[in-house]
Amino acid sequence: MIKKYQGCLLGLAIGDALGAPVELLRLPEIKNLYGRDGIIDFHEWRGFKPGSYTDDTQMSLATAIGCLRAYQRGRDRGICHSASVVHQCYLDWLESQNDLGQRRGPGNTCLRALQSRKMGTIEEKINDSKGCGGVMRTAPVGLAFQPDRAFQEGVEYASITHGHPSGYLTAGFLSAMISYIIEGKPLLEAIDLSIEQLIRHDGHSETLQIIELAKKLSVSQKSVEKSIQTIGEGWVGEEALAISLYCSLKFSDNFERGTLAAVNHSGDSDSTGSITGAILGTLLGVESIPRAWVQKVEGSDRIKKVADDMFSVFQSRKDLSLEEYPPF
C-alpha cells in the first residue's frame, strides 16, 4: 500500500510539472511547439527548469503536511480542528510566495482569500468562487482519512478559499475517491461510491452532471481531444475534476498515457495533469510511473518522504517528529 501513497504524491507532482509549460496554451499551439503528439516530457517554463512543479503541488504538500500535523496534535492534545491546522499551512505557503523562486503561478482566488487572514467555511463563505484551486490540492486528504471523513475534510479544506459548492464539493469528491482507491476499490466503483456521498450535499447537481458526462465519454468512440473539449478547459472545479476522471477512466491501466492526455488540451493543463497524476498514481502505484519522471521531478526525495510519513502515520499509526517539516 505504501506504493499507492508514493504514487499519489509523486504522480500529482509529475502531472503538474508536465502540464506547467502548456498551461494557457491552446491545443494547436501545444502541437506547434512540441510536435503532433503534444508535450510528452518535462520542459522549462517561465524560467523554471524542466520537472519544476507549480502552486498545485506546493499547496497539495501543504495539505499533506497539515493532515500530518493535525493528526499528531490530536494525539498529543486530544482535540484538534484539522481545517484550522491546514489553514495555517496555507498561510505558511502564502508567506513563501514572497520568494520569487517559490512563486509558481499562484491562483488569485487562493491569494486573495488567504491574504484576508479569514478562514472560509461552508457556513461562512469567503467568496463565491468555484475555481479549481480547491480541488487541485486535496488528493492527499484521501491518504489521511476513511472515505466518509475524507469527503467532509476535503470539503472543509477547499472551502477555506472557495465558497461555491462546485469549488468545494469537487474537493470532497476527489478526497473520498482517493480514499476508496487506497482501500482497494476499482476506479469505477470508487467513483460511484463517491457519487453516493456527493449527492447528500446541497448544490451537488452541477458536479454530478459533469461527472456523469465524463463517465459516458470514457466509453464512447469520441476522440480524446474532442471528449476533453466537450467537458471544458478545467479552470473551474467541476471541469478540472471531470477531465481528470475522464483521462483516468480512459487510460486506467497506463499512468503515462492518462497523464499526458490530461495535459494536452486547451486549458488548465497543470491542474488537470496534477489531479489525474494523483488518481492514476494511487490506483497503479509508483512503480507504474516512468522512472525517469520520478527521478527528475522537483523535490522527488522530499515528496516520497511526505508520502512515506503519511503511510506511517495513517496506516501504521506511528508517532513522528514533524519538527523537520517546514512547509517549503
C-alpha atoms as a PDB file:
ATOM      1  CA  MET A   1       0.000   0.000   0.000  1.00  0.00           C
ATOM      2  CA  ILE A   2       2.907   2.370   0.575  1.00  0.00           C
ATOM      3  CA  LYS A   3       3.445   2.322  -3.194  1.00  0.00           C
ATOM      4  CA  LYS A   4      -0.015   3.861  -3.618  1.00  0.00           C
ATOM      5  CA  TYR A   5       0.872   6.658  -1.211  1.00  0.00           C
ATOM      6  CA  GLN A   6       4.079   7.344  -3.100  1.00  0.00           C
ATOM      7  CA  GLY A   7       2.242   7.090  -6.406  1.00  0.00           C
ATOM      8  CA  CYS A   8      -0.348   9.625  -5.317  1.00  0.00           C
ATOM      9  CA  LEU A   9       2.041  12.383  -4.260  1.00  0.00           C
ATOM     10  CA  LEU A  10       4.709  11.783  -6.887  1.00  0.00           C
ATOM     11  CA  GLY A  11       2.021  11.330  -9.541  1.00  0.00           C
ATOM     12  CA  LEU A  12       0.396  14.669  -8.749  1.00  0.00           C
ATOM     13  CA  ALA A  13       3.758  16.491  -8.843  1.00  0.00           C
ATOM     14  CA  ILE A  14       4.705  14.842 -12.137  1.00  0.00           C
ATOM     15  CA  GLY A  15       1.373  15.627 -13.775  1.00  0.00           C
ATOM     16  CA  ASP A  16       1.705  19.196 -12.553  1.00  0.00           C
ATOM     17  CA  ALA A  17       5.248  19.559 -13.918  1.00  0.00           C
ATOM     18  CA  LEU A  18       4.238  18.070 -17.277  1.00  0.00           C
ATOM     19  CA  GLY A  19       1.348  20.492 -17.635  1.00  0.00           C
ATOM     20  CA  ALA A  20       3.101  23.618 -16.376  1.00  0.00           C
ATOM     21  CA  PRO A  21       4.771  24.622 -19.684  1.00  0.00           C
ATOM     22  CA  VAL A  22       1.498  24.430 -21.640  1.00  0.00           C
ATOM     23  CA  GLU A  23      -0.965  25.996 -19.225  1.00  0.00           C
ATOM     24  CA  LEU A  24      -2.797  28.819 -21.035  1.00  0.00           C
ATOM     25  CA  LEU A  25      -1.851  27.463 -24.479  1.00  0.00           C
ATOM     26  CA  ARG A  26      -4.436  26.277 -26.982  1.00  0.00           C
ATOM     27  CA  LEU A  27      -4.004  22.704 -28.212  1.00  0.00           C
ATOM     28  CA  PRO A  28      -2.857  23.775 -31.732  1.00  0.00           C
ATOM     29  CA  GLU A  29      -0.186  25.929 -30.076  1.00  0.00           C
ATOM     30  CA  ILE A  30       0.963  23.000 -27.956  1.00  0.00           C
ATOM     31  CA  LYS A  31       1.306  20.796 -31.035  1.00  0.00           C
ATOM     32  CA  ASN A  32       3.083  23.525 -32.945  1.00  0.00           C
ATOM     33  CA  LEU A  33       5.644  23.866 -30.146  1.00  0.00           C
ATOM     34  CA  TYR A  34       6.123  20.229 -29.168  1.00  0.00           C
ATOM     35  CA  GLY A  35       5.029  18.131 -32.156  1.00  0.00           C
ATOM     36  CA  ARG A  36       1.880  16.351 -33.245  1.00  0.00           C
ATOM     37  CA  ASP A  37       1.690  14.320 -30.016  1.00  0.00           C
ATOM     38  CA  GLY A  38       1.871  17.483 -27.948  1.00  0.00           C
ATOM     39  CA  ILE A  39       4.034  17.734 -24.858  1.00  0.00           C
ATOM     40  CA  ILE A  40       5.361  14.335 -23.791  1.00  0.00           C
ATOM     41  CA  ASP A  41       8.106  15.171 -21.290  1.00  0.00           C
ATOM     42  CA  PHE A  42       9.270  17.813 -18.840  1.00  0.00           C
ATOM     43  CA  HIS A  43      10.194  21.191 -20.296  1.00  0.00           C
ATOM     44  CA  GLU A  44      11.304  24.530 -18.931  1.00  0.00           C
ATOM     45  CA  TRP A  45       8.576  27.025 -18.124  1.00  0.00           C
ATOM     46  CA  ARG A  46       8.763  30.679 -17.057  1.00  0.00           C
ATOM     47  CA  GLY A  47      12.442  30.313 -16.204  1.00  0.00           C
ATOM     48  CA  PHE A  48      11.963  27.196 -14.073  1.00  0.00           C
ATOM     49  CA  LYS A  49      13.908  24.118 -15.098  1.00  0.00           C
ATOM     50  CA  PRO A  50      12.233  21.009 -16.582  1.00  0.00           C
ATOM     51  CA  GLY A  51      10.446  18.978 -13.907  1.00  0.00           C
ATOM     52  CA  SER A  52       9.597  22.009 -11.773  1.00  0.00           C
ATOM     53  CA  TYR A  53       6.102  21.964 -10.336  1.00  0.00           C
ATOM     54  CA  THR A  54       3.608  24.776  -9.737  1.00  0.00           C
ATOM     55  CA  ASP A  55       1.498  26.065  -6.859  1.00  0.00           C
ATOM     56  CA  ASP A  56      -0.730  22.996  -7.310  1.00  0.00           C
ATOM     57  CA  THR A  57       1.929  20.719  -5.845  1.00  0.00           C
ATOM     58  CA  GLN A  58       3.053  23.300  -3.301  1.00  0.00           C
ATOM     59  CA  MET A  59      -0.470  23.544  -1.912  1.00  0.00           C
ATOM     60  CA  SER A  60      -1.017  19.784  -2.090  1.00  0.00           C
ATOM     61  CA  LEU A  61       2.110  19.286   0.021  1.00  0.00           C
ATOM     62  CA  ALA A  62       0.825  21.951   2.402  1.00  0.00           C
ATOM     63  CA  THR A  63      -2.397  19.928   2.677  1.00  0.00           C
ATOM     64  CA  ALA A  64      -0.468  16.717   3.310  1.00  0.00           C
ATOM     65  CA  ILE A  65       1.686  18.320   5.989  1.00  0.00           C
ATOM     66  CA  GLY A  66      -1.420  19.888   7.544  1.00  0.00           C
ATOM     67  CA  CYS A  67      -3.023  16.453   7.790  1.00  0.00           C
ATOM     68  CA  LEU A  68       0.099  15.079   9.483  1.00  0.00           C
ATOM     69  CA  ARG A  69       0.301  17.961  11.936  1.00  0.00           C
ATOM     70  CA  ALA A  70      -3.396  17.799  12.765  1.00  0.00           C
ATOM     71  CA  TYR A  71      -3.195  14.072  13.496  1.00  0.00           C
ATOM     72  CA  GLN A  72      -0.173  14.472  15.735  1.00  0.00           C
ATOM     73  CA  ARG A  73      -1.742  17.391  17.636  1.00  0.00           C
ATOM     74  CA  GLY A  74      -4.931  15.405  18.060  1.00  0.00           C
ATOM     75  CA  ARG A  75      -2.974  12.564  19.615  1.00  0.00           C
ATOM     76  CA  ASP A  76      -0.992  14.922  21.829  1.00  0.00           C
ATOM     77  CA  ARG A  77      -3.838  17.177  22.951  1.00  0.00           C
ATOM     78  CA  GLY A  78      -6.967  15.092  22.423  1.00  0.00           C
ATOM     79  CA  ILE A  79      -8.882  17.648  20.339  1.00  0.00           C
ATOM     80  CA  CYS A  80      -7.786  19.249  17.083  1.00  0.00           C
ATOM     81  CA  HIS A  81      -9.723  21.128  14.410  1.00  0.00           C
ATOM     82  CA  SER A  82      -7.842  19.872  11.378  1.00  0.00           C
ATOM     83  CA  ALA A  83      -9.088  22.574   8.982  1.00  0.00           C
ATOM     84  CA  SER A  84      -7.530  25.240  11.213  1.00  0.00           C
ATOM     85  CA  VAL A  85      -4.194  23.432  11.101  1.00  0.00           C
ATOM     86  CA  VAL A  86      -4.392  23.117   7.317  1.00  0.00           C
ATOM     87  CA  HIS A  87      -5.344  26.788   7.071  1.00  0.00           C
ATOM     88  CA  GLN A  88      -2.145  27.680   8.935  1.00  0.00           C
ATOM     89  CA  CYS A  89      -0.150  25.570   6.461  1.00  0.00           C
ATOM     90  CA  TYR A  90      -1.773  27.507   3.636  1.00  0.00           C
ATOM     91  CA  LEU A  91      -0.796  30.760   5.366  1.00  0.00           C
ATOM     92  CA  ASP A  92       2.774  29.445   5.554  1.00  0.00           C
ATOM     93  CA  TRP A  93       2.561  28.746   1.828  1.00  0.00           C
ATOM     94  CA  LEU A  94       1.290  32.284   1.286  1.00  0.00           C
ATOM     95  CA  GLU A  95       4.349  33.629   3.102  1.00  0.00           C
ATOM     96  CA  SER A  96       6.584  31.569   0.808  1.00  0.00           C
ATOM     97  CA  GLN A  97       5.148  33.383  -2.197  1.00  0.00           C
ATOM     98  CA  ASN A  98       7.245  36.428  -1.289  1.00  0.00           C
ATOM     99  CA  ASP A  99      10.202  34.418  -2.639  1.00  0.00           C
ATOM    100  CA  LEU A 100      10.156  34.712  -6.435  1.00  0.00           C
ATOM    101  CA  GLY A 101      11.804  31.304  -6.681  1.00  0.00           C
ATOM    102  CA  GLN A 102       8.782  29.800  -4.932  1.00  0.00           C
ATOM    103  CA  ARG A 103       6.110  31.826  -6.714  1.00  0.00           C
ATOM    104  CA  ARG A 104       4.798  29.292  -9.213  1.00  0.00           C
ATOM    105  CA  GLY A 105       1.736  30.907 -10.768  1.00  0.00           C
ATOM    106  CA  PRO A 106      -0.499  31.007  -7.679  1.00  0.00           C
ATOM    107  CA  GLY A 107      -4.217  31.481  -8.272  1.00  0.00           C
ATOM    108  CA  ASN A 108      -5.688  34.864  -7.476  1.00  0.00           C
ATOM    109  CA  THR A 109      -8.598  33.343  -5.551  1.00  0.00           C
ATOM    110  CA  CYS A 110      -6.287  31.476  -3.189  1.00  0.00           C
ATOM    111  CA  LEU A 111      -4.058  34.512  -2.756  1.00  0.00           C
ATOM    112  CA  ARG A 112      -6.903  36.917  -2.006  1.00  0.00           C
ATOM    113  CA  ALA A 113      -8.690  34.528   0.351  1.00  0.00           C
ATOM    114  CA  LEU A 114      -5.551  33.780   2.346  1.00  0.00           C
ATOM    115  CA  GLN A 115      -4.384  37.396   2.368  1.00  0.00           C
ATOM    116  CA  SER A 116      -7.648  38.267   4.131  1.00  0.00           C
ATOM    117  CA  ARG A 117      -6.495  36.064   7.044  1.00  0.00           C
ATOM    118  CA  LYS A 118     -10.096  34.883   7.357  1.00  0.00           C
ATOM    119  CA  MET A 119     -10.800  31.160   7.124  1.00  0.00           C
ATOM    120  CA  GLY A 120     -13.710  30.447   4.842  1.00  0.00           C
ATOM    121  CA  THR A 121     -16.192  27.718   5.779  1.00  0.00           C
ATOM    122  CA  ILE A 122     -19.291  26.241   4.184  1.00  0.00           C
ATOM    123  CA  GLU A 123     -21.440  28.216   6.617  1.00  0.00           C
ATOM    124  CA  GLU A 124     -19.440  31.447   6.323  1.00  0.00           C
ATOM    125  CA  LYS A 125     -18.331  31.571   2.708  1.00  0.00           C
ATOM    126  CA  ILE A 126     -15.321  33.691   1.908  1.00  0.00           C
ATOM    127  CA  ASN A 127     -16.413  34.220  -1.722  1.00  0.00           C
ATOM    128  CA  ASP A 128     -18.466  32.525  -4.433  1.00  0.00           C
ATOM    129  CA  SER A 129     -15.552  31.081  -6.395  1.00  0.00           C
ATOM    130  CA  LYS A 130     -15.668  27.658  -7.994  1.00  0.00           C
ATOM    131  CA  GLY A 131     -12.178  27.815  -9.483  1.00  0.00           C
ATOM    132  CA  CYS A 132     -10.178  24.601  -9.460  1.00  0.00           C
ATOM    133  CA  GLY A 133      -7.790  25.874  -6.772  1.00  0.00           C
ATOM    134  CA  GLY A 134      -9.794  23.970  -4.157  1.00  0.00           C
ATOM    135  CA  VAL A 135      -9.902  20.536  -5.768  1.00  0.00           C
ATOM    136  CA  MET A 136      -6.355  20.595  -7.138  1.00  0.00           C
ATOM    137  CA  ARG A 137      -4.810  20.486  -3.652  1.00  0.00           C
ATOM    138  CA  THR A 138      -6.917  17.895  -1.811  1.00  0.00           C
ATOM    139  CA  ALA A 139      -5.850  14.480  -3.137  1.00  0.00           C
ATOM    140  CA  PRO A 140      -3.647  13.962  -0.027  1.00  0.00           C
ATOM    141  CA  VAL A 141      -6.767  14.125   2.148  1.00  0.00           C
ATOM    142  CA  GLY A 142      -7.717  10.701   0.797  1.00  0.00           C
ATOM    143  CA  LEU A 143      -4.433   9.308   2.147  1.00  0.00           C
ATOM    144  CA  ALA A 144      -5.257  10.516   5.645  1.00  0.00           C
ATOM    145  CA  PHE A 145      -8.891   9.617   6.293  1.00  0.00           C
ATOM    146  CA  GLN A 146     -11.523   6.959   5.723  1.00  0.00           C
ATOM    147  CA  PRO A 147     -13.832   7.811   2.791  1.00  0.00           C
ATOM    148  CA  ASP A 148     -16.748   9.393   4.678  1.00  0.00           C
ATOM    149  CA  ARG A 149     -14.498  11.637   6.693  1.00  0.00           C
ATOM    150  CA  ALA A 150     -12.219  12.285   3.707  1.00  0.00           C
ATOM    151  CA  PHE A 151     -15.159  13.776   1.819  1.00  0.00           C
ATOM    152  CA  GLN A 152     -16.018  16.118   4.674  1.00  0.00           C
ATOM    153  CA  GLU A 153     -12.434  17.124   5.372  1.00  0.00           C
ATOM    154  CA  GLY A 154     -11.796  17.765   1.675  1.00  0.00           C
ATOM    155  CA  VAL A 155     -14.860  19.991   1.553  1.00  0.00           C
ATOM    156  CA  GLU A 156     -13.707  21.928   4.615  1.00  0.00           C
ATOM    157  CA  TYR A 157     -10.158  22.423   3.325  1.00  0.00           C
ATOM    158  CA  ALA A 158     -11.350  23.678  -0.058  1.00  0.00           C
ATOM    159  CA  SER A 159     -13.959  25.995   1.462  1.00  0.00           C
ATOM    160  CA  ILE A 160     -11.142  27.839   3.219  1.00  0.00           C
ATOM    161  CA  THR A 161     -10.596  29.650  -0.096  1.00  0.00           C
ATOM    162  CA  HIS A 162     -13.508  28.654  -2.369  1.00  0.00           C
ATOM    163  CA  GLY A 163     -17.141  29.332  -1.436  1.00  0.00           C
ATOM    164  CA  HIS A 164     -19.130  27.887  -4.357  1.00  0.00           C
ATOM    165  CA  PRO A 165     -20.400  24.283  -3.982  1.00  0.00           C
ATOM    166  CA  SER A 166     -18.638  23.275  -7.202  1.00  0.00           C
ATOM    167  CA  GLY A 167     -15.439  24.674  -5.727  1.00  0.00           C
ATOM    168  CA  TYR A 168     -15.552  22.599  -2.546  1.00  0.00           C
ATOM    169  CA  LEU A 169     -17.740  19.548  -3.305  1.00  0.00           C
ATOM    170  CA  THR A 170     -15.336  18.562  -6.075  1.00  0.00           C
ATOM    171  CA  ALA A 171     -12.569  18.567  -3.468  1.00  0.00           C
ATOM    172  CA  GLY A 172     -14.616  16.342  -1.195  1.00  0.00           C
ATOM    173  CA  PHE A 173     -15.306  14.014  -4.089  1.00  0.00           C
ATOM    174  CA  LEU A 174     -11.626  13.683  -5.023  1.00  0.00           C
ATOM    175  CA  SER A 175     -10.618  13.140  -1.397  1.00  0.00           C
ATOM    176  CA  ALA A 176     -13.168  10.371  -0.901  1.00  0.00           C
ATOM    177  CA  MET A 177     -12.332   8.719  -4.210  1.00  0.00           C
ATOM    178  CA  ILE A 178      -8.613   8.577  -3.369  1.00  0.00           C
ATOM    179  CA  SER A 179      -9.527   7.044  -0.005  1.00  0.00           C
ATOM    180  CA  TYR A 180     -11.677   4.376  -1.661  1.00  0.00           C
ATOM    181  CA  ILE A 181      -8.817   3.535  -4.030  1.00  0.00           C
ATOM    182  CA  ILE A 182      -6.459   3.204  -1.060  1.00  0.00           C
ATOM    183  CA  GLU A 183      -8.972   0.715   0.381  1.00  0.00           C
ATOM    184  CA  GLY A 184      -8.592  -1.348  -2.801  1.00  0.00           C
ATOM    185  CA  LYS A 185     -11.724  -0.335  -4.700  1.00  0.00           C
ATOM    186  CA  PRO A 186     -11.507  -0.345  -8.523  1.00  0.00           C
ATOM    187  CA  LEU A 187     -11.647   3.122 -10.062  1.00  0.00           C
ATOM    188  CA  LEU A 188     -15.219   2.993 -11.355  1.00  0.00           C
ATOM    189  CA  GLU A 189     -16.521   1.657  -8.038  1.00  0.00           C
ATOM    190  CA  ALA A 190     -14.588   4.357  -6.184  1.00  0.00           C
ATOM    191  CA  ILE A 191     -16.241   6.970  -8.403  1.00  0.00           C
ATOM    192  CA  ASP A 192     -19.721   5.546  -7.856  1.00  0.00           C
ATOM    193  CA  LEU A 193     -19.237   5.334  -4.088  1.00  0.00           C
ATOM    194  CA  SER A 194     -18.044   8.940  -4.052  1.00  0.00           C
ATOM    195  CA  ILE A 195     -21.122   9.957  -6.033  1.00  0.00           C
ATOM    196  CA  GLU A 196     -23.248   8.469  -3.244  1.00  0.00           C
ATOM    197  CA  GLN A 197     -21.552  10.868  -0.849  1.00  0.00           C
ATOM    198  CA  LEU A 198     -21.727  13.812  -3.229  1.00  0.00           C
ATOM    199  CA  ILE A 199     -25.494  13.688  -3.668  1.00  0.00           C
ATOM    200  CA  ARG A 200     -26.053  14.088   0.074  1.00  0.00           C
ATOM    201  CA  HIS A 201     -24.868  17.690  -0.173  1.00  0.00           C
ATOM    202  CA  ASP A 202     -26.697  20.803  -1.297  1.00  0.00           C
ATOM    203  CA  GLY A 203     -25.523  22.269  -4.594  1.00  0.00           C
ATOM    204  CA  HIS A 204     -24.222  18.982  -5.986  1.00  0.00           C
ATOM    205  CA  SER A 205     -26.107  18.899  -9.320  1.00  0.00           C
ATOM    206  CA  GLU A 206     -23.526  20.737 -11.426  1.00  0.00           C
ATOM    207  CA  THR A 207     -20.712  18.485 -10.248  1.00  0.00           C
ATOM    208  CA  LEU A 208     -22.801  15.332 -10.605  1.00  0.00           C
ATOM    209  CA  GLN A 209     -23.844  16.131 -14.170  1.00  0.00           C
ATOM    210  CA  ILE A 210     -20.295  16.649 -15.394  1.00  0.00           C
ATOM    211  CA  ILE A 211     -19.017  13.528 -13.615  1.00  0.00           C
ATOM    212  CA  GLU A 212     -21.692  11.502 -15.396  1.00  0.00           C
ATOM    213  CA  LEU A 213     -20.630  13.137 -18.671  1.00  0.00           C
ATOM    214  CA  ALA A 214     -17.018  12.123 -18.064  1.00  0.00           C
ATOM    215  CA  LYS A 215     -18.061   8.534 -17.384  1.00  0.00           C
ATOM    216  CA  LYS A 216     -20.137   8.441 -20.559  1.00  0.00           C
ATOM    217  CA  LEU A 217     -17.379   9.916 -22.714  1.00  0.00           C
ATOM    218  CA  SER A 218     -14.803   7.462 -21.340  1.00  0.00           C
ATOM    219  CA  VAL A 219     -16.632   4.548 -23.007  1.00  0.00           C
ATOM    220  CA  SER A 220     -17.597   6.415 -26.184  1.00  0.00           C
ATOM    221  CA  GLN A 221     -15.875   6.370 -29.563  1.00  0.00           C
ATOM    222  CA  LYS A 222     -15.268  10.113 -29.488  1.00  0.00           C
ATOM    223  CA  SER A 223     -11.592  11.082 -29.659  1.00  0.00           C
ATOM    224  CA  VAL A 224      -9.726  12.071 -26.533  1.00  0.00           C
ATOM    225  CA  GLU A 225      -9.230  15.616 -27.797  1.00  0.00           C
ATOM    226  CA  LYS A 226     -12.926  16.111 -28.591  1.00  0.00           C
ATOM    227  CA  SER A 227     -14.025  14.444 -25.371  1.00  0.00           C
ATOM    228  CA  ILE A 228     -11.951  16.799 -23.241  1.00  0.00           C
ATOM    229  CA  GLN A 229     -13.163  19.745 -25.292  1.00  0.00           C
ATOM    230  CA  THR A 230     -16.739  18.621 -24.620  1.00  0.00           C
ATOM    231  CA  ILE A 231     -16.089  18.660 -20.874  1.00  0.00           C
ATOM    232  CA  GLY A 232     -14.378  22.051 -20.818  1.00  0.00           C
ATOM    233  CA  GLU A 233     -10.998  23.613 -20.108  1.00  0.00           C
ATOM    234  CA  GLY A 234     -10.575  22.828 -16.424  1.00  0.00           C
ATOM    235  CA  TRP A 235     -10.426  26.321 -14.973  1.00  0.00           C
ATOM    236  CA  VAL A 236     -13.347  25.625 -12.650  1.00  0.00           C
ATOM    237  CA  GLY A 237     -13.560  22.830 -10.138  1.00  0.00           C
ATOM    238  CA  GLU A 238     -16.142  20.609 -11.773  1.00  0.00           C
ATOM    239  CA  GLU A 239     -14.405  20.740 -15.178  1.00  0.00           C
ATOM    240  CA  ALA A 240     -10.946  20.017 -13.752  1.00  0.00           C
ATOM    241  CA  LEU A 241     -12.319  17.048 -11.817  1.00  0.00           C
ATOM    242  CA  ALA A 242     -14.282  15.703 -14.789  1.00  0.00           C
ATOM    243  CA  ILE A 243     -11.370  15.985 -17.239  1.00  0.00           C
ATOM    244  CA  SER A 244      -9.212  14.107 -14.750  1.00  0.00           C
ATOM    245  CA  LEU A 245     -11.850  11.415 -14.213  1.00  0.00           C
ATOM    246  CA  TYR A 246     -12.243  11.012 -17.974  1.00  0.00           C
ATOM    247  CA  CYS A 247      -8.489  10.615 -18.558  1.00  0.00           C
ATOM    248  CA  SER A 248      -8.149   8.239 -15.597  1.00  0.00           C
ATOM    249  CA  LEU A 249     -11.041   6.062 -16.775  1.00  0.00           C
ATOM    250  CA  LYS A 250      -9.909   6.104 -20.410  1.00  0.00           C
ATOM    251  CA  PHE A 251      -6.363   5.035 -19.509  1.00  0.00           C
ATOM    252  CA  SER A 252      -6.925   3.279 -16.212  1.00  0.00           C
ATOM    253  CA  ASP A 253      -4.042   0.882 -16.790  1.00  0.00           C
ATOM    254  CA  ASN A 254      -1.482   3.379 -18.072  1.00  0.00           C
ATOM    255  CA  PHE A 255      -0.183   6.275 -15.963  1.00  0.00           C
ATOM    256  CA  GLU A 256       1.829   7.800 -18.782  1.00  0.00           C
ATOM    257  CA  ARG A 257      -0.951   7.868 -21.382  1.00  0.00           C
ATOM    258  CA  GLY A 258      -3.581   9.080 -18.945  1.00  0.00           C
ATOM    259  CA  THR A 259      -1.478  11.881 -17.545  1.00  0.00           C
ATOM    260  CA  LEU A 260      -0.275  13.056 -20.956  1.00  0.00           C
ATOM    261  CA  ALA A 261      -3.880  13.102 -22.186  1.00  0.00           C
ATOM    262  CA  ALA A 262      -4.747  15.298 -19.208  1.00  0.00           C
ATOM    263  CA  VAL A 263      -2.151  17.959 -20.023  1.00  0.00           C
ATOM    264  CA  ASN A 264      -2.569  18.117 -23.797  1.00  0.00           C
ATOM    265  CA  HIS A 265      -5.655  20.287 -24.091  1.00  0.00           C
ATOM    266  CA  SER A 266      -6.639  23.933 -24.251  1.00  0.00           C
ATOM    267  CA  GLY A 267      -6.931  24.969 -20.650  1.00  0.00           C
ATOM    268  CA  ASP A 268      -5.610  24.466 -17.122  1.00  0.00           C
ATOM    269  CA  SER A 269      -3.161  21.741 -18.060  1.00  0.00           C
ATOM    270  CA  ASP A 270      -1.127  21.694 -14.868  1.00  0.00           C
ATOM    271  CA  SER A 271      -4.179  21.278 -12.634  1.00  0.00           C
ATOM    272  CA  THR A 272      -5.784  18.538 -14.728  1.00  0.00           C
ATOM    273  CA  GLY A 273      -2.385  16.854 -15.041  1.00  0.00           C
ATOM    274  CA  SER A 274      -1.879  17.034 -11.296  1.00  0.00           C
ATOM    275  CA  ILE A 275      -5.296  15.625 -10.400  1.00  0.00           C
ATOM    276  CA  THR A 276      -5.018  12.851 -12.996  1.00  0.00           C
ATOM    277  CA  GLY A 277      -1.495  12.017 -11.845  1.00  0.00           C
ATOM    278  CA  ALA A 278      -2.749  11.706  -8.279  1.00  0.00           C
ATOM    279  CA  ILE A 279      -5.631   9.420  -9.271  1.00  0.00           C
ATOM    280  CA  LEU A 280      -3.608   7.120 -11.524  1.00  0.00           C
ATOM    281  CA  GLY A 281      -0.597   7.171  -9.213  1.00  0.00           C
ATOM    282  CA  THR A 282      -2.804   5.994  -6.346  1.00  0.00           C
ATOM    283  CA  LEU A 283      -4.584   3.431  -8.499  1.00  0.00           C
ATOM    284  CA  LEU A 284      -1.491   1.923 -10.149  1.00  0.00           C
ATOM    285  CA  GLY A 285       1.250   2.664  -7.614  1.00  0.00           C
ATOM    286  CA  VAL A 286       4.536   4.461  -8.008  1.00  0.00           C
ATOM    287  CA  GLU A 287       6.007   1.577  -9.997  1.00  0.00           C
ATOM    288  CA  SER A 288       3.637   2.452 -12.856  1.00  0.00           C
ATOM    289  CA  ILE A 289       5.231   5.888 -13.285  1.00  0.00           C
ATOM    290  CA  PRO A 290       8.170   6.148 -15.711  1.00  0.00           C
ATOM    291  CA  ARG A 291      11.320   6.030 -13.603  1.00  0.00           C
ATOM    292  CA  ALA A 292      12.880   8.986 -15.402  1.00  0.00           C
ATOM    293  CA  TRP A 293       9.971  11.195 -14.355  1.00  0.00           C
ATOM    294  CA  VAL A 294      10.225  10.075 -10.734  1.00  0.00           C
ATOM    295  CA  GLN A 295      13.939  10.853 -10.725  1.00  0.00           C
ATOM    296  CA  LYS A 296      13.675  14.216 -12.483  1.00  0.00           C
ATOM    297  CA  VAL A 297      10.615  15.789 -10.887  1.00  0.00           C
ATOM    298  CA  GLU A 298      11.477  18.585  -8.481  1.00  0.00           C
ATOM    299  CA  GLY A 299      11.875  17.515  -4.856  1.00  0.00           C
ATOM    300  CA  SER A 300      11.354  13.825  -5.594  1.00  0.00           C
ATOM    301  CA  ASP A 301      13.024  12.594  -2.409  1.00  0.00           C
ATOM    302  CA  ARG A 302      11.135  15.050  -0.213  1.00  0.00           C
ATOM    303  CA  ILE A 303       7.805  14.182  -1.831  1.00  0.00           C
ATOM    304  CA  LYS A 304       8.495  10.493  -1.291  1.00  0.00           C
ATOM    305  CA  LYS A 305       9.306  11.196   2.364  1.00  0.00           C
ATOM    306  CA  VAL A 306       5.993  13.023   2.850  1.00  0.00           C
ATOM    307  CA  ALA A 307       4.209  10.037   1.281  1.00  0.00           C
ATOM    308  CA  ASP A 308       6.115   7.572   3.477  1.00  0.00           C
ATOM    309  CA  ASP A 309       5.338   9.605   6.581  1.00  0.00           C
ATOM    310  CA  MET A 310       1.644   9.750   5.691  1.00  0.00           C
ATOM    311  CA  PHE A 311       1.652   5.979   5.304  1.00  0.00           C
ATOM    312  CA  SER A 312       3.445   5.544   8.650  1.00  0.00           C
ATOM    313  CA  VAL A 313       1.030   7.836  10.466  1.00  0.00           C
ATOM    314  CA  PHE A 314      -2.296   6.982   8.849  1.00  0.00           C
ATOM    315  CA  GLN A 315      -1.805   3.270   8.174  1.00  0.00           C
ATOM    316  CA  SER A 316       0.739   2.128  10.771  1.00  0.00           C
ATOM    317  CA  ARG A 317      -0.320   4.717  13.412  1.00  0.00           C
ATOM    318  CA  LYS A 318       3.254   5.634  14.255  1.00  0.00           C
ATOM    319  CA  ASP A 319       4.280   8.795  16.044  1.00  0.00           C
ATOM    320  CA  LEU A 320       6.649  11.022  14.081  1.00  0.00           C
ATOM    321  CA  SER A 321       8.568  14.152  14.863  1.00  0.00           C
ATOM    322  CA  LEU A 322       7.304  16.784  12.441  1.00  0.00           C
ATOM    323  CA  GLU A 323       9.817  19.403  13.517  1.00  0.00           C
ATOM    324  CA  GLU A 324      11.697  18.889  10.251  1.00  0.00           C
ATOM    325  CA  TYR A 325       8.651  19.867   8.234  1.00  0.00           C
ATOM    326  CA  PRO A 326       8.843  23.497   7.305  1.00  0.00           C
ATOM    327  CA  PRO A 327       6.198  23.596   4.585  1.00  0.00           C
ATOM    328  CA  PHE A 328       8.501  24.918   1.885  1.00  0.00           C
END
